[in-house]
Amino acid sequence: MTTILKVDDEFKRVLGYLPDDDMLDDQLIQRMTSALDAAEIYVQGAVGENKADFYQSEKILPLYKLACFAIGANWFNHPSTAVSSTTAKAIIGQLRGFYDESEVSDGGTTAESRSTNGAN
């Protein structure tokens, strides 16, 4: 699995911080990074892990980013009780459809690719 997102000004704003906020120390940035990395791993695990370039495509990146930011922000703000939001679950469902389409367009079938991952 590859993480492609970084804690940038946009993610800081999602969490309610200004980019140059005095509250942003190294420990807080590390918590943000951990939450965002975990969110990426979660989304890629839920959608598909075999095609790293899939998430960086122009069509997919905005949805991927939105899902990861929603999950990462939720986990950052509520680390002990957080679950995926309804919005994130809907976006993951849409990403799964795009992922399956991309596998079929690569010459494989969805059933074949899933069976090679160990899922039946």
C-alpha atoms as a PDB file:
ATOM      1  CA  MET A   1       0.000   0.000   0.000  1.00  0.00           C
ATOM      2  CA  THR A   2       1.208   3.452  -0.881  1.00  0.00           C
ATOM      3  CA  THR A   3       0.238   6.621   0.886  1.00  0.00           C
ATOM      4  CA  ILE A   4       0.079   9.572  -1.487  1.00  0.00           C
ATOM      5  CA  LEU A   5      -1.518  12.305   0.602  1.00  0.00           C
ATOM      6  CA  LYS A   6       0.399  14.598   2.922  1.00  0.00           C
ATOM      7  CA  VAL A   7      -0.649  16.812   5.806  1.00  0.00           C
ATOM      8  CA  ASP A   8      -0.977  20.039   3.883  1.00  0.00           C
ATOM      9  CA  ASP A   9      -2.775  23.339   4.443  1.00  0.00           C
ATOM     10  CA  GLU A  10      -6.017  21.854   3.108  1.00  0.00           C
ATOM     11  CA  PHE A  11      -6.024  18.967   5.584  1.00  0.00           C
ATOM     12  CA  LYS A  12      -5.108  21.313   8.435  1.00  0.00           C
ATOM     13  CA  ARG A  13      -8.118  23.475   7.542  1.00  0.00           C
ATOM     14  CA  VAL A  14     -10.358  20.394   7.448  1.00  0.00           C
ATOM     15  CA  LEU A  15      -9.282  19.798  11.045  1.00  0.00           C
ATOM     16  CA  GLY A  16      -9.979  23.415  11.987  1.00  0.00           C
ATOM     17  CA  TYR A  17      -6.410  24.737  12.029  1.00  0.00           C
ATOM     18  CA  LEU A  18      -4.935  27.595  10.055  1.00  0.00           C
ATOM     19  CA  PRO A  19      -1.711  26.663   8.253  1.00  0.00           C
ATOM     20  CA  ASP A  20       0.417  28.861  10.534  1.00  0.00           C
ATOM     21  CA  ASP A  21      -1.549  28.235  13.742  1.00  0.00           C
ATOM     22  CA  ASP A  22       0.565  28.518  16.902  1.00  0.00           C
ATOM     23  CA  MET A  23      -1.066  25.324  18.210  1.00  0.00           C
ATOM     24  CA  LEU A  24       0.565  23.243  15.453  1.00  0.00           C
ATOM     25  CA  ASP A  25       3.558  21.616  17.101  1.00  0.00           C
ATOM     26  CA  ASP A  26       5.451  18.513  15.946  1.00  0.00           C
ATOM     27  CA  GLN A  27       3.342  16.173  18.054  1.00  0.00           C
ATOM     28  CA  LEU A  28       0.080  17.496  16.608  1.00  0.00           C
ATOM     29  CA  ILE A  29       1.429  17.247  13.056  1.00  0.00           C
ATOM     30  CA  GLN A  30       2.465  13.644  13.792  1.00  0.00           C
ATOM     31  CA  ARG A  31      -1.080  12.832  14.995  1.00  0.00           C
ATOM     32  CA  MET A  32      -2.459  14.372  11.796  1.00  0.00           C
ATOM     33  CA  THR A  33      -0.019  12.333   9.706  1.00  0.00           C
ATOM     34  CA  SER A  34      -0.919   9.111  11.511  1.00  0.00           C
ATOM     35  CA  ALA A  35      -4.655   9.706  11.084  1.00  0.00           C
ATOM     36  CA  LEU A  36      -4.281  10.537   7.384  1.00  0.00           C
ATOM     37  CA  ASP A  37      -1.977   7.556   6.714  1.00  0.00           C
ATOM     38  CA  ALA A  38      -4.406   5.218   8.487  1.00  0.00           C
ATOM     39  CA  ALA A  39      -7.298   6.655   6.476  1.00  0.00           C
ATOM     40  CA  GLU A  40      -5.436   6.008   3.228  1.00  0.00           C
ATOM     41  CA  ILE A  41      -4.689   2.428   4.247  1.00  0.00           C
ATOM     42  CA  TYR A  42      -8.351   1.963   5.182  1.00  0.00           C
ATOM     43  CA  VAL A  43      -9.679   3.354   1.885  1.00  0.00           C
ATOM     44  CA  GLN A  44      -7.195   1.428  -0.249  1.00  0.00           C
ATOM     45  CA  GLY A  45      -7.987  -1.745   1.686  1.00  0.00           C
ATOM     46  CA  ALA A  46     -11.710  -1.207   1.156  1.00  0.00           C
ATOM     47  CA  VAL A  47     -11.423  -0.375  -2.544  1.00  0.00           C
ATOM     48  CA  GLY A  48      -8.370  -2.198  -3.892  1.00  0.00           C
ATOM     49  CA  GLU A  49      -4.629  -2.194  -3.387  1.00  0.00           C
ATOM     50  CA  ASN A  50      -3.183  -3.534  -6.614  1.00  0.00           C
ATOM     51  CA  LYS A  51      -3.097  -0.334  -8.656  1.00  0.00           C
ATOM     52  CA  ALA A  52      -1.297   2.564  -6.957  1.00  0.00           C
ATOM     53  CA  ASP A  53      -1.678   4.837  -9.989  1.00  0.00           C
ATOM     54  CA  PHE A  54      -5.481   4.425  -9.841  1.00  0.00           C
ATOM     55  CA  TYR A  55      -5.762   6.784  -6.856  1.00  0.00           C
ATOM     56  CA  GLN A  56      -3.610   9.450  -8.488  1.00  0.00           C
ATOM     57  CA  SER A  57      -5.648   9.716 -11.674  1.00  0.00           C
ATOM     58  CA  GLU A  58      -7.340  13.041 -12.365  1.00  0.00           C
ATOM     59  CA  LYS A  59     -10.824  11.493 -12.188  1.00  0.00           C
ATOM     60  CA  ILE A  60     -10.286   9.588  -8.919  1.00  0.00           C
ATOM     61  CA  LEU A  61      -7.981  11.779  -6.794  1.00  0.00           C
ATOM     62  CA  PRO A  62     -10.672  14.268  -5.647  1.00  0.00           C
ATOM     63  CA  LEU A  63     -12.966  11.473  -4.419  1.00  0.00           C
ATOM     64  CA  TYR A  64     -10.081   9.580  -2.842  1.00  0.00           C
ATOM     65  CA  LYS A  65      -8.882  12.720  -1.087  1.00  0.00           C
ATOM     66  CA  LEU A  66     -12.383  13.529   0.173  1.00  0.00           C
ATOM     67  CA  ALA A  67     -12.860  10.028   1.597  1.00  0.00           C
ATOM     68  CA  CYS A  68      -9.414  10.029   3.237  1.00  0.00           C
ATOM     69  CA  PHE A  69      -9.891  13.522   4.677  1.00  0.00           C
ATOM     70  CA  ALA A  70     -13.324  12.607   6.076  1.00  0.00           C
ATOM     71  CA  ILE A  71     -12.042   9.445   7.721  1.00  0.00           C
ATOM     72  CA  GLY A  72      -8.743  10.983   8.844  1.00  0.00           C
ATOM     73  CA  ALA A  73     -10.476  13.991  10.404  1.00  0.00           C
ATOM     74  CA  ASN A  74     -12.938  11.750  12.201  1.00  0.00           C
ATOM     75  CA  TRP A  75     -10.150   9.564  13.589  1.00  0.00           C
ATOM     76  CA  PHE A  76      -8.068  12.612  14.532  1.00  0.00           C
ATOM     77  CA  ASN A  77     -10.939  14.261  16.420  1.00  0.00           C
ATOM     78  CA  HIS A  78     -12.409  11.082  17.965  1.00  0.00           C
ATOM     79  CA  PRO A  79      -9.583   8.524  18.149  1.00  0.00           C
ATOM     80  CA  SER A  80     -11.220   6.096  20.557  1.00  0.00           C
ATOM     81  CA  THR A  81     -14.762   6.059  19.188  1.00  0.00           C
ATOM     82  CA  ALA A  82     -14.473   6.947  15.520  1.00  0.00           C
ATOM     83  CA  VAL A  83     -16.125   4.983  12.770  1.00  0.00           C
ATOM     84  CA  SER A  84     -16.305   5.798   9.074  1.00  0.00           C
ATOM     85  CA  SER A  85     -18.868   8.442   8.235  1.00  0.00           C
ATOM     86  CA  THR A  86     -21.806   7.768   5.959  1.00  0.00           C
ATOM     87  CA  THR A  87     -20.248  10.138   3.440  1.00  0.00           C
ATOM     88  CA  ALA A  88     -16.949   8.241   3.459  1.00  0.00           C
ATOM     89  CA  LYS A  89     -18.768   4.910   3.042  1.00  0.00           C
ATOM     90  CA  ALA A  90     -20.696   6.262   0.041  1.00  0.00           C
ATOM     91  CA  ILE A  91     -17.501   7.566  -1.570  1.00  0.00           C
ATOM     92  CA  ILE A  92     -15.753   4.234  -0.956  1.00  0.00           C
ATOM     93  CA  GLY A  93     -18.643   2.492  -2.716  1.00  0.00           C
ATOM     94  CA  GLN A  94     -18.253   4.804  -5.688  1.00  0.00           C
ATOM     95  CA  LEU A  95     -14.483   4.288  -5.749  1.00  0.00           C
ATOM     96  CA  ARG A  96     -15.015   0.508  -5.727  1.00  0.00           C
ATOM     97  CA  GLY A  97     -17.120   0.838  -8.864  1.00  0.00           C
ATOM     98  CA  PHE A  98     -14.449   2.914 -10.603  1.00  0.00           C
ATOM     99  CA  TYR A  99     -11.746   0.473  -9.461  1.00  0.00           C
ATOM    100  CA  ASP A 100     -13.684  -2.491 -10.811  1.00  0.00           C
ATOM    101  CA  GLU A 101     -14.232  -0.658 -14.114  1.00  0.00           C
ATOM    102  CA  SER A 102     -10.525   0.080 -14.369  1.00  0.00           C
ATOM    103  CA  GLU A 103      -9.665  -3.590 -13.850  1.00  0.00           C
ATOM    104  CA  VAL A 104     -12.087  -4.662 -16.568  1.00  0.00           C
ATOM    105  CA  SER A 105     -10.654  -2.053 -18.949  1.00  0.00           C
ATOM    106  CA  ASP A 106      -7.167  -3.447 -18.247  1.00  0.00           C
ATOM    107  CA  GLY A 107      -8.286  -6.768 -19.738  1.00  0.00           C
ATOM    108  CA  GLY A 108      -9.135  -8.579 -16.501  1.00  0.00           C
ATOM    109  CA  THR A 109     -12.475  -9.253 -14.966  1.00  0.00           C
ATOM    110  CA  THR A 110     -13.610  -8.211 -11.552  1.00  0.00           C
ATOM    111  CA  ALA A 111     -14.222 -11.805 -10.487  1.00  0.00           C
ATOM    112  CA  GLU A 112     -10.755 -12.885 -11.601  1.00  0.00           C
ATOM    113  CA  SER A 113      -8.994 -10.036  -9.840  1.00  0.00           C
ATOM    114  CA  ARG A 114     -10.853 -10.558  -6.601  1.00  0.00           C
ATOM    115  CA  SER A 115     -10.148 -14.300  -6.554  1.00  0.00           C
ATOM    116  CA  THR A 116      -6.419 -13.638  -6.925  1.00  0.00           C
ATOM    117  CA  ASN A 117      -6.545 -11.437  -3.830  1.00  0.00           C
ATOM    118  CA  GLY A 118      -7.787 -14.319  -1.742  1.00  0.00           C
ATOM    119  CA  ALA A 119     -11.391 -13.078  -1.556  1.00  0.00           C
ATOM    120  CA  ASN A 120     -14.057 -15.331  -3.033  1.00  0.00           C
END
